[in-house]
Protein backbone atom coordinates (compact mmCIF):
# COMPACT_ATOMS: atom_id res chain seq x y z
CA MET A 1 0.00 0.00 0.00
CA THR A 2 1.29 3.47 -0.84
CA PHE A 3 1.62 6.44 1.49
CA GLY A 4 -1.41 8.25 0.03
CA ALA A 5 -3.58 5.13 -0.12
CA SER A 6 -2.77 4.39 3.51
CA ILE A 7 -3.80 7.85 4.68
CA LYS A 8 -7.01 7.69 2.66
CA SER A 9 -7.82 4.21 3.97
CA CYS A 10 -7.18 5.06 7.62
CA PHE A 11 -9.21 8.26 7.53
CA SER A 12 -12.09 6.55 5.73
CA LYS A 13 -12.11 3.81 8.41
CA PHE A 14 -11.29 6.03 11.39
CA VAL A 15 -14.01 4.50 13.58
CA THR A 16 -13.90 1.02 12.05
CA TYR A 17 -12.45 -1.46 14.49
CA GLN A 18 -13.41 -4.50 12.43
CA GLY A 19 -11.35 -5.95 9.63
CA ARG A 20 -7.63 -5.93 9.06
CA ALA A 21 -4.88 -3.40 8.29
CA SER A 22 -1.74 -4.49 6.49
CA ARG A 23 1.66 -3.75 7.93
CA SER A 24 2.37 -1.16 5.22
CA GLU A 25 -0.99 0.56 5.80
CA PHE A 26 -0.27 0.87 9.51
CA TRP A 27 3.33 2.09 9.19
CA TRP A 28 2.58 4.63 6.46
CA PHE A 29 -0.21 6.05 8.60
CA PHE A 30 2.06 6.01 11.65
CA LEU A 31 4.61 8.10 9.70
CA PHE A 32 1.90 10.53 8.56
CA ASN A 33 0.60 10.81 12.11
CA CYS A 34 4.08 11.53 13.50
CA LEU A 35 4.77 14.15 10.81
CA THR A 36 1.50 15.97 11.37
CA CYS A 37 0.84 15.50 15.09
CA GLY A 38 4.16 14.52 16.56
CA LEU A 39 4.51 11.46 18.75
CA GLY A 40 1.84 12.87 21.07
CA GLY A 41 -0.71 12.44 18.27
CA ILE A 42 -0.53 8.67 18.24
CA CYS A 43 -3.51 8.53 20.58
CA SER A 44 -5.81 9.83 17.87
CA LEU A 45 -8.93 7.89 16.94
CA PRO A 46 -7.75 6.98 13.38
CA TYR A 47 -4.45 5.71 14.78
CA THR A 48 -6.20 3.62 17.43
CA ALA A 49 -8.51 2.08 14.84
CA ALA A 50 -5.57 1.30 12.53
CA LEU A 51 -3.65 -0.31 15.41
CA ILE A 52 -6.58 -2.51 16.36
CA ARG A 53 -7.06 -3.56 12.73
CA ARG A 54 -3.32 -4.31 12.67
CA TYR A 55 -3.78 -6.63 15.69
CA HIS A 56 -6.51 -8.39 13.73
CA ASP A 57 -4.17 -8.76 10.75
CA THR A 58 -1.69 -10.62 12.93
CA GLY A 59 -4.43 -12.94 14.17
CA HIS A 60 -4.85 -11.38 17.61
CA SER A 61 -7.69 -9.69 19.42
CA GLY A 62 -7.93 -5.90 19.50
CA TRP A 63 -8.18 -6.10 23.29
CA TRP A 64 -4.38 -6.31 23.30
CA PHE A 65 -4.54 -2.54 22.70
CA PHE A 66 -4.80 -2.07 26.45
CA CYS A 67 -1.33 -3.59 27.00
CA PRO A 68 1.16 -0.77 26.23
CA ILE A 69 4.15 -3.08 25.68
CA MET A 70 2.22 -5.02 23.04
CA ASN A 71 1.40 -1.77 21.18
CA ILE A 72 5.12 -1.50 20.51
CA ILE A 73 5.67 -5.14 19.55
CA PHE A 74 2.57 -6.18 17.53
CA PRO A 75 2.90 -3.73 14.64
CA PHE A 76 6.14 -5.51 13.70
CA TYR A 77 4.49 -8.95 13.48
CA LYS A 78 3.98 -10.48 10.08
CA SER A 79 0.49 -10.57 8.65
CA GLN A 80 -1.43 -13.81 8.96
CA GLU A 81 -1.65 -15.42 5.53
CA GLY A 82 -5.09 -15.84 4.00
CA ASP A 83 -8.38 -15.07 5.66
CA ASN A 84 -8.79 -15.16 9.41
CA LYS A 85 -11.74 -14.63 11.74
CA TRP A 86 -11.45 -10.82 11.36
CA GLY A 87 -11.74 -10.80 7.60
CA PRO A 88 -9.96 -11.35 4.31
CA GLN A 89 -6.27 -10.65 3.90
CA PRO A 90 -5.69 -6.98 2.99
CA GLU A 91 -4.08 -6.19 -0.33
């Protein structure tokens, strides 16, 4: 996913906590968020939704969001191949 497509996708799904977000979608949006809001802006609603969808992409529950250490580790995990219980594999 490209930088622009990631930003568009995350803002169009800013309150969508279902589905999956690819690793590239999450990291491009993370970069955009840091450039525009600084590191203090990572608590924004679109970022939170993207992070939870990223948990789903790795095959884990979004409830892991409440464990701060895991918020640092999980975005680096590889995507789960194929469909999982949170939806089809993102492109």
